Amino acid sequence: MSDEKYKQIVMVREDLKLPKGKMAAQVAHASVDAVLKADKSVLSSWRNEGMMKIVVKVKDQADLYKHIQQAKDLGLTTSVITDAGRTVVAPGTVTCGAIGPASVTDIDKITGELSIQN
């Protein structure tokens, strides 16, 4: 059995200044979407470890896509959420994105410098 640990990162665009409820909904969308795409063996290990997930800030859409592309380049599961625009942002606004669940080591290579969302 591997000693590898797993986590999921959800990145939220800081420039949108989303209200906390809206941010929570968008983070949930990203997390669930990525989980539905995840490799079943990684997903099983992640669930058994307690499903660690961390929400972090990215500056803007370009910063979000930079990290998503780095994750894709490593073959990690990703998700990008585009809002329907029924409440606080315009339709089609990219609000957040998720990486993983995947190995902590791989995710930290991509997002280790990002600040935790308060």
PDB file of N, CA and C in Angstrom:
ATOM      1  N   MET A   1       0.841  -1.197   0.000  1.00  0.00           N
ATOM      2  CA  MET A   1       0.000   0.000   0.000  1.00  0.00           C
ATOM      3  C   MET A   1       0.879   1.250   0.000  1.00  0.00           C
ATOM      4  N   SER A   2       0.520   2.239  -0.763  1.00  0.00           N
ATOM      5  CA  SER A   2       1.297   3.462  -0.917  1.00  0.00           C
ATOM      6  C   SER A   2       1.125   4.391   0.278  1.00  0.00           C
ATOM      7  N   ASP A   3       2.170   5.155   0.561  1.00  0.00           N
ATOM      8  CA  ASP A   3       2.095   6.175   1.605  1.00  0.00           C
ATOM      9  C   ASP A   3       1.630   7.512   1.037  1.00  0.00           C
ATOM     10  N   GLU A   4       1.306   7.538  -0.258  1.00  0.00           N
ATOM     11  CA  GLU A   4       0.887   8.769  -0.919  1.00  0.00           C
ATOM     12  C   GLU A   4      -0.360   9.330  -0.254  1.00  0.00           C
ATOM     13  N   LYS A   5      -0.394  10.634  -0.090  1.00  0.00           N
ATOM     14  CA  LYS A   5      -1.563  11.338   0.436  1.00  0.00           C
ATOM     15  C   LYS A   5      -2.190  12.122  -0.707  1.00  0.00           C
ATOM     16  N   TYR A   6      -3.486  12.362  -0.600  1.00  0.00           N
ATOM     17  CA  TYR A   6      -4.232  13.027  -1.661  1.00  0.00           C
ATOM     18  C   TYR A   6      -4.989  14.231  -1.121  1.00  0.00           C
ATOM     19  N   LYS A   7      -5.218  15.197  -2.006  1.00  0.00           N
ATOM     20  CA  LYS A   7      -6.050  16.345  -1.658  1.00  0.00           C
ATOM     21  C   LYS A   7      -6.647  16.929  -2.924  1.00  0.00           C
ATOM     22  N   GLN A   8      -7.545  17.853  -2.707  1.00  0.00           N
ATOM     23  CA  GLN A   8      -8.150  18.608  -3.796  1.00  0.00           C
ATOM     24  C   GLN A   8      -7.972  20.088  -3.473  1.00  0.00           C
ATOM     25  N   ILE A   9      -7.676  20.868  -4.493  1.00  0.00           N
ATOM     26  CA  ILE A   9      -7.558  22.322  -4.360  1.00  0.00           C
ATOM     27  C   ILE A   9      -8.656  22.952  -5.204  1.00  0.00           C
ATOM     28  N   VAL A  10      -9.345  23.931  -4.625  1.00  0.00           N
ATOM     29  CA  VAL A  10     -10.290  24.720  -5.399  1.00  0.00           C
ATOM     30  C   VAL A  10      -9.782  26.164  -5.380  1.00  0.00           C
ATOM     31  N   MET A  11      -9.604  26.708  -6.561  1.00  0.00           N
ATOM     32  CA  MET A  11      -9.085  28.062  -6.718  1.00  0.00           C
ATOM     33  C   MET A  11     -10.224  29.015  -7.065  1.00  0.00           C
ATOM     34  N   VAL A  12     -10.323  30.114  -6.295  1.00  0.00           N
ATOM     35  CA  VAL A  12     -11.385  31.100  -6.476  1.00  0.00           C
ATOM     36  C   VAL A  12     -10.772  32.401  -6.973  1.00  0.00           C
ATOM     37  N   ARG A  13     -11.399  32.992  -7.963  1.00  0.00           N
ATOM     38  CA  ARG A  13     -10.920  34.277  -8.501  1.00  0.00           C
ATOM     39  C   ARG A  13     -11.144  35.403  -7.494  1.00  0.00           C
ATOM     40  N   GLU A  14     -10.054  35.995  -7.058  1.00  0.00           N
ATOM     41  CA  GLU A  14     -10.094  37.087  -6.083  1.00  0.00           C
ATOM     42  C   GLU A  14     -10.689  38.359  -6.682  1.00  0.00           C
ATOM     43  N   ASP A  15     -10.461  38.597  -7.968  1.00  0.00           N
ATOM     44  CA  ASP A  15     -10.907  39.836  -8.599  1.00  0.00           C
ATOM     45  C   ASP A  15     -12.426  39.963  -8.681  1.00  0.00           C
ATOM     46  N   LEU A  16     -13.149  38.854  -8.567  1.00  0.00           N
ATOM     47  CA  LEU A  16     -14.613  38.910  -8.647  1.00  0.00           C
ATOM     48  C   LEU A  16     -15.259  39.369  -7.342  1.00  0.00           C
ATOM     49  N   LYS A  17     -14.537  39.235  -6.232  1.00  0.00           N
ATOM     50  CA  LYS A  17     -15.057  39.622  -4.916  1.00  0.00           C
ATOM     51  C   LYS A  17     -16.456  39.040  -4.677  1.00  0.00           C
ATOM     52  N   LEU A  18     -16.561  37.739  -4.861  1.00  0.00           N
ATOM     53  CA  LEU A  18     -17.842  37.048  -4.712  1.00  0.00           C
ATOM     54  C   LEU A  18     -18.317  37.096  -3.261  1.00  0.00           C
ATOM     55  N   PRO A  19     -19.626  37.297  -3.053  1.00  0.00           N
ATOM     56  CA  PRO A  19     -20.174  37.162  -1.696  1.00  0.00           C
ATOM     57  C   PRO A  19     -19.927  35.736  -1.201  1.00  0.00           C
ATOM     58  N   LYS A  20     -19.828  35.558   0.120  1.00  0.00           N
ATOM     59  CA  LYS A  20     -19.458  34.252   0.682  1.00  0.00           C
ATOM     60  C   LYS A  20     -20.396  33.128   0.262  1.00  0.00           C
ATOM     61  N   GLY A  21     -21.677  33.372   0.195  1.00  0.00           N
ATOM     62  CA  GLY A  21     -22.619  32.331  -0.215  1.00  0.00           C
ATOM     63  C   GLY A  21     -22.421  31.919  -1.663  1.00  0.00           C
ATOM     64  N   LYS A  22     -22.218  32.905  -2.521  1.00  0.00           N
ATOM     65  CA  LYS A  22     -21.975  32.633  -3.936  1.00  0.00           C
ATOM     66  C   LYS A  22     -20.665  31.866  -4.104  1.00  0.00           C
ATOM     67  N   MET A  23     -19.635  32.292  -3.351  1.00  0.00           N
ATOM     68  CA  MET A  23     -18.349  31.609  -3.419  1.00  0.00           C
ATOM     69  C   MET A  23     -18.492  30.154  -2.975  1.00  0.00           C
ATOM     70  N   ALA A  24     -19.228  29.924  -1.902  1.00  0.00           N
ATOM     71  CA  ALA A  24     -19.414  28.555  -1.405  1.00  0.00           C
ATOM     72  C   ALA A  24     -20.086  27.680  -2.461  1.00  0.00           C
ATOM     73  N   ALA A  25     -21.091  28.215  -3.138  1.00  0.00           N
ATOM     74  CA  ALA A  25     -21.788  27.452  -4.169  1.00  0.00           C
ATOM     75  C   ALA A  25     -20.852  27.132  -5.337  1.00  0.00           C
ATOM     76  N   GLN A  26     -20.045  28.107  -5.753  1.00  0.00           N
ATOM     77  CA  GLN A  26     -19.134  27.896  -6.876  1.00  0.00           C
ATOM     78  C   GLN A  26     -18.046  26.879  -6.520  1.00  0.00           C
ATOM     79  N   VAL A  27     -17.536  26.954  -5.294  1.00  0.00           N
ATOM     80  CA  VAL A  27     -16.540  25.993  -4.821  1.00  0.00           C
ATOM     81  C   VAL A  27     -17.133  24.582  -4.818  1.00  0.00           C
ATOM     82  N   ALA A  28     -18.379  24.462  -4.369  1.00  0.00           N
ATOM     83  CA  ALA A  28     -19.034  23.153  -4.361  1.00  0.00           C
ATOM     84  C   ALA A  28     -19.177  22.616  -5.783  1.00  0.00           C
ATOM     85  N   HIS A  29     -19.563  23.471  -6.713  1.00  0.00           N
ATOM     86  CA  HIS A  29     -19.677  23.041  -8.114  1.00  0.00           C
ATOM     87  C   HIS A  29     -18.337  22.496  -8.621  1.00  0.00           C
ATOM     88  N   ALA A  30     -17.259  23.229  -8.361  1.00  0.00           N
ATOM     89  CA  ALA A  30     -15.939  22.820  -8.842  1.00  0.00           C
ATOM     90  C   ALA A  30     -15.502  21.503  -8.210  1.00  0.00           C
ATOM     91  N   SER A  31     -15.711  21.382  -6.909  1.00  0.00           N
ATOM     92  CA  SER A  31     -15.304  20.161  -6.205  1.00  0.00           C
ATOM     93  C   SER A  31     -16.041  18.947  -6.738  1.00  0.00           C
ATOM     94  N   VAL A  32     -17.354  19.058  -6.838  1.00  0.00           N
ATOM     95  CA  VAL A  32     -18.163  17.928  -7.303  1.00  0.00           C
ATOM     96  C   VAL A  32     -17.827  17.571  -8.746  1.00  0.00           C
ATOM     97  N   ASP A  33     -17.693  18.568  -9.595  1.00  0.00           N
ATOM     98  CA  ASP A  33     -17.379  18.301 -11.002  1.00  0.00           C
ATOM     99  C   ASP A  33     -16.052  17.551 -11.127  1.00  0.00           C
ATOM    100  N   ALA A  34     -15.044  17.982 -10.381  1.00  0.00           N
ATOM    101  CA  ALA A  34     -13.744  17.310 -10.445  1.00  0.00           C
ATOM    102  C   ALA A  34     -13.833  15.885  -9.891  1.00  0.00           C
ATOM    103  N   VAL A  35     -14.564  15.700  -8.823  1.00  0.00           N
ATOM    104  CA  VAL A  35     -14.721  14.353  -8.249  1.00  0.00           C
ATOM    105  C   VAL A  35     -15.377  13.413  -9.259  1.00  0.00           C
ATOM    106  N   LEU A  36     -16.361  13.904  -9.990  1.00  0.00           N
ATOM    107  CA  LEU A  36     -17.041  13.067 -10.973  1.00  0.00           C
ATOM    108  C   LEU A  36     -16.119  12.650 -12.114  1.00  0.00           C
ATOM    109  N   LYS A  37     -15.038  13.403 -12.340  1.00  0.00           N
ATOM    110  CA  LYS A  37     -14.077  13.094 -13.395  1.00  0.00           C
ATOM    111  C   LYS A  37     -12.883  12.283 -12.892  1.00  0.00           C
ATOM    112  N   ALA A  38     -12.743  12.141 -11.593  1.00  0.00           N
ATOM    113  CA  ALA A  38     -11.520  11.582 -10.994  1.00  0.00           C
ATOM    114  C   ALA A  38     -11.363  10.086 -11.244  1.00  0.00           C
ATOM    115  N   ASP A  39     -10.105   9.666 -11.288  1.00  0.00           N
ATOM    116  CA  ASP A  39      -9.743   8.252 -11.343  1.00  0.00           C
ATOM    117  C   ASP A  39     -10.302   7.556 -10.097  1.00  0.00           C
ATOM    118  N   LYS A  40     -10.944   6.425 -10.292  1.00  0.00           N
ATOM    119  CA  LYS A  40     -11.644   5.751  -9.188  1.00  0.00           C
ATOM    120  C   LYS A  40     -10.712   5.295  -8.077  1.00  0.00           C
ATOM    121  N   SER A  41      -9.496   4.862  -8.393  1.00  0.00           N
ATOM    122  CA  SER A  41      -8.585   4.408  -7.335  1.00  0.00           C
ATOM    123  C   SER A  41      -8.074   5.594  -6.515  1.00  0.00           C
ATOM    124  N   VAL A  42      -7.787   6.723  -7.177  1.00  0.00           N
ATOM    125  CA  VAL A  42      -7.379   7.936  -6.461  1.00  0.00           C
ATOM    126  C   VAL A  42      -8.538   8.420  -5.597  1.00  0.00           C
ATOM    127  N   LEU A  43      -9.724   8.408  -6.163  1.00  0.00           N
ATOM    128  CA  LEU A  43     -10.913   8.853  -5.440  1.00  0.00           C
ATOM    129  C   LEU A  43     -11.135   8.016  -4.184  1.00  0.00           C
ATOM    130  N   SER A  44     -10.967   6.725  -4.293  1.00  0.00           N
ATOM    131  CA  SER A  44     -11.143   5.840  -3.146  1.00  0.00           C
ATOM    132  C   SER A  44     -10.127   6.153  -2.051  1.00  0.00           C
ATOM    133  N   SER A  45      -8.869   6.314  -2.427  1.00  0.00           N
ATOM    134  CA  SER A  45      -7.834   6.646  -1.438  1.00  0.00           C
ATOM    135  C   SER A  45      -8.121   7.992  -0.783  1.00  0.00           C
ATOM    136  N   TRP A  46      -8.478   8.981  -1.576  1.00  0.00           N
ATOM    137  CA  TRP A  46      -8.785  10.322  -1.078  1.00  0.00           C
ATOM    138  C   TRP A  46      -9.946  10.282  -0.090  1.00  0.00           C
ATOM    139  N   ARG A  47     -10.977   9.552  -0.432  1.00  0.00           N
ATOM    140  CA  ARG A  47     -12.130   9.429   0.472  1.00  0.00           C
ATOM    141  C   ARG A  47     -11.737   8.757   1.779  1.00  0.00           C
ATOM    142  N   ASN A  48     -10.934   7.702   1.704  1.00  0.00           N
ATOM    143  CA  ASN A  48     -10.504   6.989   2.908  1.00  0.00           C
ATOM    144  C   ASN A  48      -9.634   7.854   3.811  1.00  0.00           C
ATOM    145  N   GLU A  49      -8.941   8.834   3.221  1.00  0.00           N
ATOM    146  CA  GLU A  49      -8.080   9.731   3.995  1.00  0.00           C
ATOM    147  C   GLU A  49      -8.834  10.934   4.567  1.00  0.00           C
ATOM    148  N   GLY A  50     -10.109  11.073   4.260  1.00  0.00           N
ATOM    149  CA  GLY A  50     -10.887  12.182   4.814  1.00  0.00           C
ATOM    150  C   GLY A  50     -11.232  13.291   3.830  1.00  0.00           C
ATOM    151  N   MET A  51     -10.930  13.091   2.548  1.00  0.00           N
ATOM    152  CA  MET A  51     -11.305  14.024   1.472  1.00  0.00           C
ATOM    153  C   MET A  51     -10.780  15.446   1.700  1.00  0.00           C
ATOM    154  N   MET A  52      -9.488  15.584   1.988  1.00  0.00           N
ATOM    155  CA  MET A  52      -8.904  16.908   2.194  1.00  0.00           C
ATOM    156  C   MET A  52      -9.133  17.781   0.976  1.00  0.00           C
ATOM    157  N   LYS A  53      -9.671  18.973   1.235  1.00  0.00           N
ATOM    158  CA  LYS A  53      -9.802  19.972   0.176  1.00  0.00           C
ATOM    159  C   LYS A  53      -9.484  21.333   0.764  1.00  0.00           C
ATOM    160  N   ILE A  54      -8.812  22.139  -0.034  1.00  0.00           N
ATOM    161  CA  ILE A  54      -8.371  23.460   0.399  1.00  0.00           C
ATOM    162  C   ILE A  54      -8.812  24.465  -0.652  1.00  0.00           C
ATOM    163  N   VAL A  55      -9.352  25.587  -0.191  1.00  0.00           N
ATOM    164  CA  VAL A  55      -9.786  26.657  -1.086  1.00  0.00           C
ATOM    165  C   VAL A  55      -8.732  27.760  -1.037  1.00  0.00           C
ATOM    166  N   VAL A  56      -8.239  28.123  -2.210  1.00  0.00           N
ATOM    167  CA  VAL A  56      -7.189  29.132  -2.317  1.00  0.00           C
ATOM    168  C   VAL A  56      -7.619  30.243  -3.276  1.00  0.00           C
ATOM    169  N   LYS A  57      -6.881  31.339  -3.230  1.00  0.00           N
ATOM    170  CA  LYS A  57      -7.166  32.499  -4.085  1.00  0.00           C
ATOM    171  C   LYS A  57      -6.246  32.511  -5.301  1.00  0.00           C
ATOM    172  N   VAL A  58      -6.805  32.902  -6.432  1.00  0.00           N
ATOM    173  CA  VAL A  58      -6.012  33.268  -7.609  1.00  0.00           C
ATOM    174  C   VAL A  58      -6.404  34.694  -7.974  1.00  0.00           C
ATOM    175  N   LYS A  59      -5.476  35.419  -8.624  1.00  0.00           N
ATOM    176  CA  LYS A  59      -5.718  36.837  -8.917  1.00  0.00           C
ATOM    177  C   LYS A  59      -6.903  37.059  -9.848  1.00  0.00           C
ATOM    178  N   ASP A  60      -6.942  36.285 -10.929  1.00  0.00           N
ATOM    179  CA  ASP A  60      -7.915  36.560 -11.984  1.00  0.00           C
ATOM    180  C   ASP A  60      -8.058  35.323 -12.872  1.00  0.00           C
ATOM    181  N   GLN A  61      -8.804  35.466 -13.941  1.00  0.00           N
ATOM    182  CA  GLN A  61      -9.055  34.337 -14.832  1.00  0.00           C
ATOM    183  C   GLN A  61      -7.764  33.809 -15.453  1.00  0.00           C
ATOM    184  N   ALA A  62      -6.872  34.688 -15.850  1.00  0.00           N
ATOM    185  CA  ALA A  62      -5.612  34.245 -16.456  1.00  0.00           C
ATOM    186  C   ALA A  62      -4.800  33.414 -15.471  1.00  0.00           C
ATOM    187  N   ASP A  63      -4.770  33.835 -14.223  1.00  0.00           N
ATOM    188  CA  ASP A  63      -4.037  33.104 -13.184  1.00  0.00           C
ATOM    189  C   ASP A  63      -4.681  31.731 -12.950  1.00  0.00           C
ATOM    190  N   LEU A  64      -5.998  31.698 -12.931  1.00  0.00           N
ATOM    191  CA  LEU A  64      -6.719  30.436 -12.764  1.00  0.00           C
ATOM    192  C   LEU A  64      -6.354  29.471 -13.895  1.00  0.00           C
ATOM    193  N   TYR A  65      -6.443  29.942 -15.132  1.00  0.00           N
ATOM    194  CA  TYR A  65      -6.145  29.077 -16.274  1.00  0.00           C
ATOM    195  C   TYR A  65      -4.689  28.632 -16.307  1.00  0.00           C
ATOM    196  N   LYS A  66      -3.779  29.471 -15.837  1.00  0.00           N
ATOM    197  CA  LYS A  66      -2.363  29.089 -15.772  1.00  0.00           C
ATOM    198  C   LYS A  66      -2.202  27.846 -14.888  1.00  0.00           C
ATOM    199  N   HIS A  67      -2.825  27.861 -13.722  1.00  0.00           N
ATOM    200  CA  HIS A  67      -2.716  26.724 -12.804  1.00  0.00           C
ATOM    201  C   HIS A  67      -3.457  25.490 -13.327  1.00  0.00           C
ATOM    202  N   ILE A  68      -4.600  25.711 -13.939  1.00  0.00           N
ATOM    203  CA  ILE A  68      -5.352  24.594 -14.527  1.00  0.00           C
ATOM    204  C   ILE A  68      -4.522  23.927 -15.622  1.00  0.00           C
ATOM    205  N   GLN A  69      -3.872  24.721 -16.469  1.00  0.00           N
ATOM    206  CA  GLN A  69      -3.058  24.154 -17.551  1.00  0.00           C
ATOM    207  C   GLN A  69      -1.870  23.374 -16.995  1.00  0.00           C
ATOM    208  N   GLN A  70      -1.236  23.884 -15.948  1.00  0.00           N
ATOM    209  CA  GLN A  70      -0.126  23.164 -15.331  1.00  0.00           C
ATOM    210  C   GLN A  70      -0.604  21.808 -14.803  1.00  0.00           C
ATOM    211  N   ALA A  71      -1.796  21.783 -14.218  1.00  0.00           N
ATOM    212  CA  ALA A  71      -2.360  20.520 -13.718  1.00  0.00           C
ATOM    213  C   ALA A  71      -2.645  19.565 -14.874  1.00  0.00           C
ATOM    214  N   LYS A  72      -3.225  20.078 -15.940  1.00  0.00           N
ATOM    215  CA  LYS A  72      -3.497  19.241 -17.111  1.00  0.00           C
ATOM    216  C   LYS A  72      -2.204  18.672 -17.680  1.00  0.00           C
ATOM    217  N   ASP A  73      -1.154  19.500 -17.702  1.00  0.00           N
ATOM    218  CA  ASP A  73       0.137  19.052 -18.226  1.00  0.00           C
ATOM    219  C   ASP A  73       0.702  17.887 -17.417  1.00  0.00           C
ATOM    220  N   LEU A  74       0.350  17.818 -16.130  1.00  0.00           N
ATOM    221  CA  LEU A  74       0.773  16.705 -15.274  1.00  0.00           C
ATOM    222  C   LEU A  74      -0.215  15.540 -15.306  1.00  0.00           C
ATOM    223  N   GLY A  75      -1.295  15.693 -16.072  1.00  0.00           N
ATOM    224  CA  GLY A  75      -2.293  14.630 -16.170  1.00  0.00           C
ATOM    225  C   GLY A  75      -3.251  14.574 -15.005  1.00  0.00           C
ATOM    226  N   LEU A  76      -3.392  15.685 -14.264  1.00  0.00           N
ATOM    227  CA  LEU A  76      -4.283  15.706 -13.104  1.00  0.00           C
ATOM    228  C   LEU A  76      -5.710  16.062 -13.514  1.00  0.00           C
ATOM    229  N   THR A  77      -6.654  15.617 -12.717  1.00  0.00           N
ATOM    230  CA  THR A  77      -8.058  15.954 -12.924  1.00  0.00           C
ATOM    231  C   THR A  77      -8.268  17.435 -12.667  1.00  0.00           C
ATOM    232  N   THR A  78      -9.006  18.097 -13.557  1.00  0.00           N
ATOM    233  CA  THR A  78      -9.313  19.513 -13.384  1.00  0.00           C
ATOM    234  C   THR A  78     -10.775  19.792 -13.691  1.00  0.00           C
ATOM    235  N   SER A  79     -11.221  20.928 -13.192  1.00  0.00           N
ATOM    236  CA  SER A  79     -12.567  21.407 -13.480  1.00  0.00           C
ATOM    237  C   SER A  79     -12.531  22.928 -13.492  1.00  0.00           C
ATOM    238  N   VAL A  80     -13.214  23.541 -14.434  1.00  0.00           N
ATOM    239  CA  VAL A  80     -13.370  24.994 -14.469  1.00  0.00           C
ATOM    240  C   VAL A  80     -14.867  25.282 -14.472  1.00  0.00           C
ATOM    241  N   ILE A  81     -15.300  26.175 -13.587  1.00  0.00           N
ATOM    242  CA  ILE A  81     -16.718  26.479 -13.449  1.00  0.00           C
ATOM    243  C   ILE A  81     -17.045  27.819 -14.098  1.00  0.00           C
ATOM    244  N   THR A  82     -18.022  27.778 -14.978  1.00  0.00           N
ATOM    245  CA  THR A  82     -18.539  28.964 -15.652  1.00  0.00           C
ATOM    246  C   THR A  82     -19.950  29.203 -15.140  1.00  0.00           C
ATOM    247  N   ASP A  83     -20.193  30.385 -14.601  1.00  0.00           N
ATOM    248  CA  ASP A  83     -21.468  30.684 -13.954  1.00  0.00           C
ATOM    249  C   ASP A  83     -22.586  30.940 -14.964  1.00  0.00           C
ATOM    250  N   ALA A  84     -23.787  30.566 -14.585  1.00  0.00           N
ATOM    251  CA  ALA A  84     -24.960  30.777 -15.440  1.00  0.00           C
ATOM    252  C   ALA A  84     -25.414  32.233 -15.440  1.00  0.00           C
ATOM    253  N   GLY A  85     -24.956  33.021 -14.467  1.00  0.00           N
ATOM    254  CA  GLY A  85     -25.262  34.447 -14.464  1.00  0.00           C
ATOM    255  C   GLY A  85     -26.626  34.816 -13.933  1.00  0.00           C
ATOM    256  N   ARG A  86     -27.172  33.997 -13.054  1.00  0.00           N
ATOM    257  CA  ARG A  86     -28.506  34.295 -12.516  1.00  0.00           C
ATOM    258  C   ARG A  86     -28.481  35.228 -11.309  1.00  0.00           C
ATOM    259  N   THR A  87     -27.303  35.451 -10.742  1.00  0.00           N
ATOM    260  CA  THR A  87     -27.260  36.265  -9.516  1.00  0.00           C
ATOM    261  C   THR A  87     -26.262  37.416  -9.623  1.00  0.00           C
ATOM    262  N   VAL A  88     -25.015  37.213  -9.211  1.00  0.00           N
ATOM    263  CA  VAL A  88     -24.103  38.345  -9.023  1.00  0.00           C
ATOM    264  C   VAL A  88     -23.068  38.566 -10.116  1.00  0.00           C
ATOM    265  N   VAL A  89     -22.891  37.633 -11.018  1.00  0.00           N
ATOM    266  CA  VAL A  89     -21.925  37.822 -12.111  1.00  0.00           C
ATOM    267  C   VAL A  89     -22.622  37.599 -13.449  1.00  0.00           C
ATOM    268  N   ALA A  90     -22.006  38.094 -14.493  1.00  0.00           N
ATOM    269  CA  ALA A  90     -22.572  37.968 -15.839  1.00  0.00           C
ATOM    270  C   ALA A  90     -22.535  36.514 -16.305  1.00  0.00           C
ATOM    271  N   PRO A  91     -23.511  36.112 -17.138  1.00  0.00           N
ATOM    272  CA  PRO A  91     -23.484  34.760 -17.689  1.00  0.00           C
ATOM    273  C   PRO A  91     -22.145  34.484 -18.383  1.00  0.00           C
ATOM    274  N   GLY A  92     -21.618  33.286 -18.153  1.00  0.00           N
ATOM    275  CA  GLY A  92     -20.364  32.892 -18.781  1.00  0.00           C
ATOM    276  C   GLY A  92     -19.120  33.269 -18.011  1.00  0.00           C
ATOM    277  N   THR A  93     -19.275  33.895 -16.849  1.00  0.00           N
ATOM    278  CA  THR A  93     -18.113  34.274 -16.046  1.00  0.00           C
ATOM    279  C   THR A  93     -17.467  33.033 -15.437  1.00  0.00           C
ATOM    280  N   VAL A  94     -16.169  32.886 -15.645  1.00  0.00           N
ATOM    281  CA  VAL A  94     -15.414  31.797 -15.012  1.00  0.00           C
ATOM    282  C   VAL A  94     -15.157  32.224 -13.574  1.00  0.00           C
ATOM    283  N   THR A  95     -15.649  31.439 -12.611  1.00  0.00           N
ATOM    284  CA  THR A  95     -15.552  31.817 -11.195  1.00  0.00           C
ATOM    285  C   THR A  95     -14.448  31.098 -10.438  1.00  0.00           C
ATOM    286  N   CYS A  96     -14.261  29.812 -10.728  1.00  0.00           N
ATOM    287  CA  CYS A  96     -13.284  29.043  -9.967  1.00  0.00           C
ATOM    288  C   CYS A  96     -12.927  27.769 -10.727  1.00  0.00           C
ATOM    289  N   GLY A  97     -11.943  27.078 -10.185  1.00  0.00           N
ATOM    290  CA  GLY A  97     -11.518  25.824 -10.785  1.00  0.00           C
ATOM    291  C   GLY A  97     -10.956  24.903  -9.726  1.00  0.00           C
ATOM    292  N   ALA A  98     -10.994  23.626  -9.992  1.00  0.00           N
ATOM    293  CA  ALA A  98     -10.489  22.625  -9.047  1.00  0.00           C
ATOM    294  C   ALA A  98      -9.398  21.791  -9.702  1.00  0.00           C
ATOM    295  N   ILE A  99      -8.491  21.323  -8.852  1.00  0.00           N
ATOM    296  CA  ILE A  99      -7.474  20.356  -9.248  1.00  0.00           C
ATOM    297  C   ILE A  99      -7.560  19.202  -8.264  1.00  0.00           C
ATOM    298  N   GLY A 100      -7.656  17.994  -8.815  1.00  0.00           N
ATOM    299  CA  GLY A 100      -7.698  16.816  -7.960  1.00  0.00           C
ATOM    300  C   GLY A 100      -9.114  16.394  -7.652  1.00  0.00           C
ATOM    301  N   PRO A 101      -9.210  15.348  -6.850  1.00  0.00           N
ATOM    302  CA  PRO A 101      -8.182  14.828  -5.970  1.00  0.00           C
ATOM    303  C   PRO A 101      -6.994  14.234  -6.731  1.00  0.00           C
ATOM    304  N   ALA A 102      -5.831  14.521  -6.164  1.00  0.00           N
ATOM    305  CA  ALA A 102      -4.573  14.037  -6.721  1.00  0.00           C
ATOM    306  C   ALA A 102      -3.538  14.039  -5.605  1.00  0.00           C
ATOM    307  N   SER A 103      -2.365  13.561  -5.916  1.00  0.00           N
ATOM    308  CA  SER A 103      -1.316  13.493  -4.908  1.00  0.00           C
ATOM    309  C   SER A 103      -0.973  14.886  -4.389  1.00  0.00           C
ATOM    310  N   VAL A 104      -0.793  14.982  -3.069  1.00  0.00           N
ATOM    311  CA  VAL A 104      -0.411  16.236  -2.430  1.00  0.00           C
ATOM    312  C   VAL A 104       0.858  16.780  -3.091  1.00  0.00           C
ATOM    313  N   THR A 105       1.810  15.913  -3.359  1.00  0.00           N
ATOM    314  CA  THR A 105       3.078  16.315  -3.966  1.00  0.00           C
ATOM    315  C   THR A 105       2.851  16.984  -5.315  1.00  0.00           C
ATOM    316  N   ASP A 106       2.028  16.375  -6.165  1.00  0.00           N
ATOM    317  CA  ASP A 106       1.763  16.940  -7.493  1.00  0.00           C
ATOM    318  C   ASP A 106       1.006  18.264  -7.395  1.00  0.00           C
ATOM    319  N   ILE A 107      -0.015  18.324  -6.560  1.00  0.00           N
ATOM    320  CA  ILE A 107      -0.791  19.557  -6.428  1.00  0.00           C
ATOM    321  C   ILE A 107       0.065  20.686  -5.873  1.00  0.00           C
ATOM    322  N   ASP A 108       0.902  20.383  -4.886  1.00  0.00           N
ATOM    323  CA  ASP A 108       1.740  21.425  -4.288  1.00  0.00           C
ATOM    324  C   ASP A 108       2.747  22.000  -5.282  1.00  0.00           C
ATOM    325  N   LYS A 109       3.157  21.215  -6.275  1.00  0.00           N
ATOM    326  CA  LYS A 109       4.050  21.735  -7.322  1.00  0.00           C
ATOM    327  C   LYS A 109       3.371  22.873  -8.085  1.00  0.00           C
ATOM    328  N   ILE A 110       2.058  22.813  -8.184  1.00  0.00           N
ATOM    329  CA  ILE A 110       1.288  23.756  -8.994  1.00  0.00           C
ATOM    330  C   ILE A 110       0.739  24.914  -8.166  1.00  0.00           C
ATOM    331  N   THR A 111       0.243  24.610  -6.978  1.00  0.00           N
ATOM    332  CA  THR A 111      -0.499  25.618  -6.203  1.00  0.00           C
ATOM    333  C   THR A 111       0.125  25.947  -4.849  1.00  0.00           C
ATOM    334  N   GLY A 112       1.303  25.431  -4.580  1.00  0.00           N
ATOM    335  CA  GLY A 112       1.917  25.612  -3.266  1.00  0.00           C
ATOM    336  C   GLY A 112       2.109  27.049  -2.842  1.00  0.00           C
ATOM    337  N   GLU A 113       2.209  27.981  -3.811  1.00  0.00           N
ATOM    338  CA  GLU A 113       2.450  29.378  -3.460  1.00  0.00           C
ATOM    339  C   GLU A 113       1.169  30.175  -3.275  1.00  0.00           C
ATOM    340  N   LEU A 114       0.013  29.584  -3.523  1.00  0.00           N
ATOM    341  CA  LEU A 114      -1.255  30.318  -3.434  1.00  0.00           C
ATOM    342  C   LEU A 114      -1.711  30.450  -1.980  1.00  0.00           C
ATOM    343  N   SER A 115      -2.381  31.562  -1.684  1.00  0.00           N
ATOM    344  CA  SER A 115      -2.875  31.834  -0.336  1.00  0.00           C
ATOM    345  C   SER A 115      -4.238  31.193  -0.125  1.00  0.00           C
ATOM    346  N   ILE A 116      -4.466  30.761   1.109  1.00  0.00           N
ATOM    347  CA  ILE A 116      -5.760  30.177   1.467  1.00  0.00           C
ATOM    348  C   ILE A 116      -6.821  31.261   1.469  1.00  0.00           C
ATOM    349  N   GLN A 117      -7.991  30.922   0.945  1.00  0.00           N
ATOM    350  CA  GLN A 117      -9.133  31.839   0.892  1.00  0.00           C
ATOM    351  C   GLN A 117      -9.720  31.964   2.295  1.00  0.00           C
ATOM    352  N   ASN A 118      -9.923  33.204   2.750  1.00  0.00           N
ATOM    353  CA  ASN A 118     -10.536  33.429   4.073  1.00  0.00           C
ATOM    354  C   ASN A 118     -12.027  33.533   3.961  1.00  0.00           C
TER     355      ASN A 118
END
